[in-house]
Structures are given as C-alpha cells and as structure tokens.
Amino acid sequence: MSQIVIEKDRCKGCELCVTACPQQILGMTTQLNAKGYFYAEVAEPMRCIGCRLCCITCPDMAITMNTHGTVYHYFSY
C-alpha cells in the first residue's frame, strides 16, 4: 500500500497535486502552515493507487511517497 507524506510547511498551496490526482484523494486544509498558506492533505489514503502524480507535479517537493518501505524522491535539488 502507498503512503503519501506531505510536508505541510513546504507546501505553498498551489493545488497542482489536487488537480493531478486521478483518484481525487487530495484536498486543501482550512488551517494555515508556517508560511501562511493553506496546505494540501490526504483526505482518503486508502484509495491511493500509487501513481505518484502528486509527487511529480509538486513544484516545492513537499510530497513524498512510501511504498512497501521504499521512499521515492524524484528530484534531488
């Protein structure tokens, strides 16, 4: 099973991950992070299919995915 991890203080609330998710399991919170943005959250983690589109589309690298103990990082910068 895939587990999406969102670093809330890195998220700037652009909602690109929300629109990229084919399962529509991501949403925006009503709380503010340290930067003053509404950040993304996983609403229904059990429906995640592990496509990693949220990780790829995040311009702030705030989203990582754990799958069976493996952590996927797409960019090293």
N, C-alpha and C. Protein backbone atom coordinates (compact mmCIF):
# COMPACT_ATOMS: atom_id res chain seq x y z
N MET A 1 0.83 -1.18 0.00
CA MET A 1 0.00 0.00 0.00
C MET A 1 0.88 1.25 0.00
N SER A 2 0.46 2.24 -0.71
CA SER A 2 1.20 3.50 -0.81
C SER A 2 0.80 4.44 0.32
N GLN A 3 1.77 5.22 0.76
CA GLN A 3 1.52 6.23 1.79
C GLN A 3 2.08 7.55 1.31
N ILE A 4 1.21 8.54 1.19
CA ILE A 4 1.62 9.88 0.77
C ILE A 4 1.99 10.69 2.01
N VAL A 5 3.15 11.33 1.96
CA VAL A 5 3.61 12.16 3.06
C VAL A 5 3.77 13.59 2.54
N ILE A 6 3.03 14.51 3.13
CA ILE A 6 3.07 15.92 2.71
C ILE A 6 3.71 16.74 3.83
N GLU A 7 4.81 17.41 3.49
CA GLU A 7 5.44 18.31 4.46
C GLU A 7 4.69 19.63 4.41
N LYS A 8 3.84 19.86 5.39
CA LYS A 8 2.92 21.00 5.35
C LYS A 8 3.63 22.35 5.32
N ASP A 9 4.80 22.46 5.91
CA ASP A 9 5.48 23.75 5.92
C ASP A 9 6.22 24.05 4.62
N ARG A 10 6.38 23.07 3.75
CA ARG A 10 6.97 23.30 2.43
C ARG A 10 5.90 23.64 1.39
N CYS A 11 4.67 23.26 1.65
CA CYS A 11 3.58 23.45 0.70
C CYS A 11 3.19 24.92 0.63
N LYS A 12 3.03 25.43 -0.61
CA LYS A 12 2.59 26.82 -0.77
C LYS A 12 1.14 26.94 -1.23
N GLY A 13 0.45 25.80 -1.29
CA GLY A 13 -0.98 25.82 -1.58
C GLY A 13 -1.33 26.05 -3.03
N CYS A 14 -0.51 25.62 -3.95
CA CYS A 14 -0.77 25.86 -5.38
C CYS A 14 -1.87 24.95 -5.94
N GLU A 15 -2.19 23.86 -5.25
CA GLU A 15 -3.24 22.91 -5.61
C GLU A 15 -2.95 22.11 -6.88
N LEU A 16 -1.71 22.10 -7.37
CA LEU A 16 -1.38 21.31 -8.54
C LEU A 16 -1.52 19.81 -8.25
N CYS A 17 -1.18 19.39 -7.06
CA CYS A 17 -1.30 17.99 -6.70
C CYS A 17 -2.76 17.57 -6.62
N VAL A 18 -3.61 18.47 -6.16
CA VAL A 18 -5.04 18.16 -6.05
C VAL A 18 -5.65 17.91 -7.42
N THR A 19 -5.28 18.74 -8.39
CA THR A 19 -5.82 18.56 -9.74
C THR A 19 -5.16 17.40 -10.47
N ALA A 20 -3.93 17.03 -10.11
CA ALA A 20 -3.22 15.95 -10.79
C ALA A 20 -3.68 14.57 -10.33
N CYS A 21 -4.24 14.46 -9.16
CA CYS A 21 -4.61 13.16 -8.59
C CYS A 21 -5.80 12.56 -9.33
N PRO A 22 -5.62 11.40 -9.98
CA PRO A 22 -6.74 10.78 -10.70
C PRO A 22 -7.81 10.21 -9.78
N GLN A 23 -7.47 9.93 -8.54
CA GLN A 23 -8.42 9.39 -7.58
C GLN A 23 -9.12 10.48 -6.77
N GLN A 24 -8.66 11.72 -6.91
CA GLN A 24 -9.22 12.86 -6.17
C GLN A 24 -9.22 12.62 -4.66
N ILE A 25 -8.07 12.16 -4.14
CA ILE A 25 -7.96 11.89 -2.71
C ILE A 25 -7.26 13.02 -1.95
N LEU A 26 -6.73 13.99 -2.67
CA LEU A 26 -6.06 15.11 -2.03
C LEU A 26 -6.99 16.31 -1.96
N GLY A 27 -6.83 17.08 -0.92
CA GLY A 27 -7.63 18.29 -0.76
C GLY A 27 -6.82 19.34 -0.02
N MET A 28 -7.41 20.49 0.15
CA MET A 28 -6.74 21.58 0.86
C MET A 28 -7.33 21.71 2.26
N THR A 29 -6.47 22.02 3.21
CA THR A 29 -6.92 22.18 4.59
C THR A 29 -7.51 23.56 4.80
N THR A 30 -8.12 23.73 5.95
CA THR A 30 -8.62 25.05 6.34
C THR A 30 -7.68 25.71 7.34
N GLN A 31 -6.54 25.04 7.60
CA GLN A 31 -5.54 25.57 8.51
C GLN A 31 -4.39 26.16 7.72
N LEU A 32 -3.66 27.07 8.32
CA LEU A 32 -2.51 27.69 7.68
C LEU A 32 -1.22 27.05 8.17
N ASN A 33 -0.24 26.96 7.27
CA ASN A 33 1.07 26.45 7.68
C ASN A 33 1.94 27.62 8.16
N ALA A 34 3.21 27.38 8.41
CA ALA A 34 4.11 28.40 8.94
C ALA A 34 4.31 29.57 7.97
N LYS A 35 4.14 29.31 6.66
CA LYS A 35 4.29 30.36 5.65
C LYS A 35 3.01 31.16 5.44
N GLY A 36 1.91 30.71 6.02
CA GLY A 36 0.65 31.41 5.88
C GLY A 36 -0.21 30.91 4.72
N TYR A 37 0.06 29.71 4.23
CA TYR A 37 -0.69 29.12 3.12
C TYR A 37 -1.59 27.99 3.62
N PHE A 38 -2.70 27.78 2.94
CA PHE A 38 -3.48 26.58 3.14
C PHE A 38 -2.72 25.45 2.44
N TYR A 39 -2.49 24.36 3.10
CA TYR A 39 -1.65 23.29 2.54
C TYR A 39 -2.49 22.08 2.15
N ALA A 40 -1.90 21.22 1.34
CA ALA A 40 -2.58 20.02 0.86
C ALA A 40 -2.58 18.95 1.95
N GLU A 41 -3.61 18.10 1.91
CA GLU A 41 -3.70 16.98 2.83
C GLU A 41 -4.30 15.78 2.10
N VAL A 42 -4.06 14.61 2.64
CA VAL A 42 -4.61 13.39 2.07
C VAL A 42 -5.94 13.13 2.76
N ALA A 43 -7.03 13.18 1.98
CA ALA A 43 -8.36 13.01 2.54
C ALA A 43 -8.74 11.53 2.67
N GLU A 44 -8.40 10.72 1.67
CA GLU A 44 -8.75 9.31 1.68
C GLU A 44 -7.53 8.46 1.28
N PRO A 45 -6.63 8.19 2.23
CA PRO A 45 -5.40 7.49 1.89
C PRO A 45 -5.60 6.06 1.38
N MET A 46 -6.67 5.41 1.74
CA MET A 46 -6.90 4.03 1.32
C MET A 46 -7.19 3.91 -0.18
N ARG A 47 -7.61 5.00 -0.82
CA ARG A 47 -7.92 4.97 -2.24
C ARG A 47 -6.72 5.28 -3.13
N CYS A 48 -5.56 5.53 -2.54
CA CYS A 48 -4.36 5.86 -3.31
C CYS A 48 -3.92 4.66 -4.14
N ILE A 49 -3.67 4.88 -5.43
CA ILE A 49 -3.23 3.80 -6.32
C ILE A 49 -1.72 3.83 -6.55
N GLY A 50 -1.03 4.78 -5.95
CA GLY A 50 0.43 4.83 -6.04
C GLY A 50 0.96 5.33 -7.37
N CYS A 51 0.21 6.16 -8.07
CA CYS A 51 0.64 6.64 -9.39
C CYS A 51 1.76 7.68 -9.29
N ARG A 52 1.90 8.32 -8.15
CA ARG A 52 2.94 9.31 -7.86
C ARG A 52 2.82 10.61 -8.66
N LEU A 53 1.67 10.86 -9.26
CA LEU A 53 1.49 12.10 -10.00
C LEU A 53 1.54 13.31 -9.08
N CYS A 54 1.09 13.17 -7.86
CA CYS A 54 1.15 14.28 -6.90
C CYS A 54 2.60 14.64 -6.60
N CYS A 55 3.46 13.63 -6.46
CA CYS A 55 4.88 13.86 -6.19
C CYS A 55 5.56 14.56 -7.36
N ILE A 56 5.22 14.13 -8.55
CA ILE A 56 5.87 14.67 -9.75
C ILE A 56 5.44 16.11 -10.01
N THR A 57 4.18 16.44 -9.76
CA THR A 57 3.68 17.77 -10.10
C THR A 57 3.97 18.82 -9.03
N CYS A 58 4.36 18.42 -7.85
CA CYS A 58 4.61 19.39 -6.77
C CYS A 58 5.88 20.20 -7.06
N PRO A 59 5.75 21.51 -7.27
CA PRO A 59 6.94 22.33 -7.57
C PRO A 59 7.81 22.59 -6.34
N ASP A 60 7.27 22.36 -5.15
CA ASP A 60 8.01 22.61 -3.91
C ASP A 60 8.62 21.36 -3.31
N MET A 61 8.45 20.22 -3.97
CA MET A 61 8.95 18.94 -3.46
C MET A 61 8.46 18.69 -2.04
N ALA A 62 7.21 19.03 -1.78
CA ALA A 62 6.64 18.86 -0.45
C ALA A 62 5.99 17.49 -0.27
N ILE A 63 5.90 16.70 -1.35
CA ILE A 63 5.21 15.41 -1.29
C ILE A 63 6.18 14.28 -1.62
N THR A 64 6.21 13.29 -0.74
CA THR A 64 6.95 12.06 -1.00
C THR A 64 5.99 10.90 -0.83
N MET A 65 6.37 9.76 -1.39
CA MET A 65 5.52 8.59 -1.29
C MET A 65 6.34 7.41 -0.80
N ASN A 66 5.79 6.71 0.18
CA ASN A 66 6.39 5.49 0.69
C ASN A 66 5.58 4.31 0.16
N THR A 67 6.27 3.35 -0.44
CA THR A 67 5.61 2.16 -0.96
C THR A 67 6.39 0.94 -0.51
N HIS A 68 5.80 0.15 0.34
CA HIS A 68 6.42 -1.08 0.85
C HIS A 68 7.81 -0.81 1.43
N GLY A 69 7.95 0.26 2.18
CA GLY A 69 9.22 0.58 2.82
C GLY A 69 10.20 1.35 1.96
N THR A 70 9.86 1.61 0.70
CA THR A 70 10.74 2.36 -0.19
C THR A 70 10.25 3.79 -0.28
N VAL A 71 11.14 4.76 -0.13
CA VAL A 71 10.80 6.16 -0.26
C VAL A 71 11.23 6.63 -1.63
N TYR A 72 10.31 7.21 -2.38
CA TYR A 72 10.61 7.69 -3.72
C TYR A 72 10.85 9.19 -3.69
N HIS A 73 12.04 9.61 -4.13
CA HIS A 73 12.37 11.02 -4.29
C HIS A 73 12.63 11.22 -5.78
N TYR A 74 11.95 12.15 -6.40
CA TYR A 74 12.07 12.31 -7.84
C TYR A 74 13.10 13.32 -8.26
N PHE A 75 13.37 14.29 -7.41
CA PHE A 75 14.34 15.31 -7.75
C PHE A 75 15.26 15.51 -6.56
N SER A 76 16.52 15.74 -6.82
CA SER A 76 17.48 15.86 -5.74
C SER A 76 17.85 17.30 -5.42
N TYR A 77 17.27 18.26 -6.10
CA TYR A 77 17.62 19.65 -5.85
C TYR A 77 16.75 20.27 -4.80
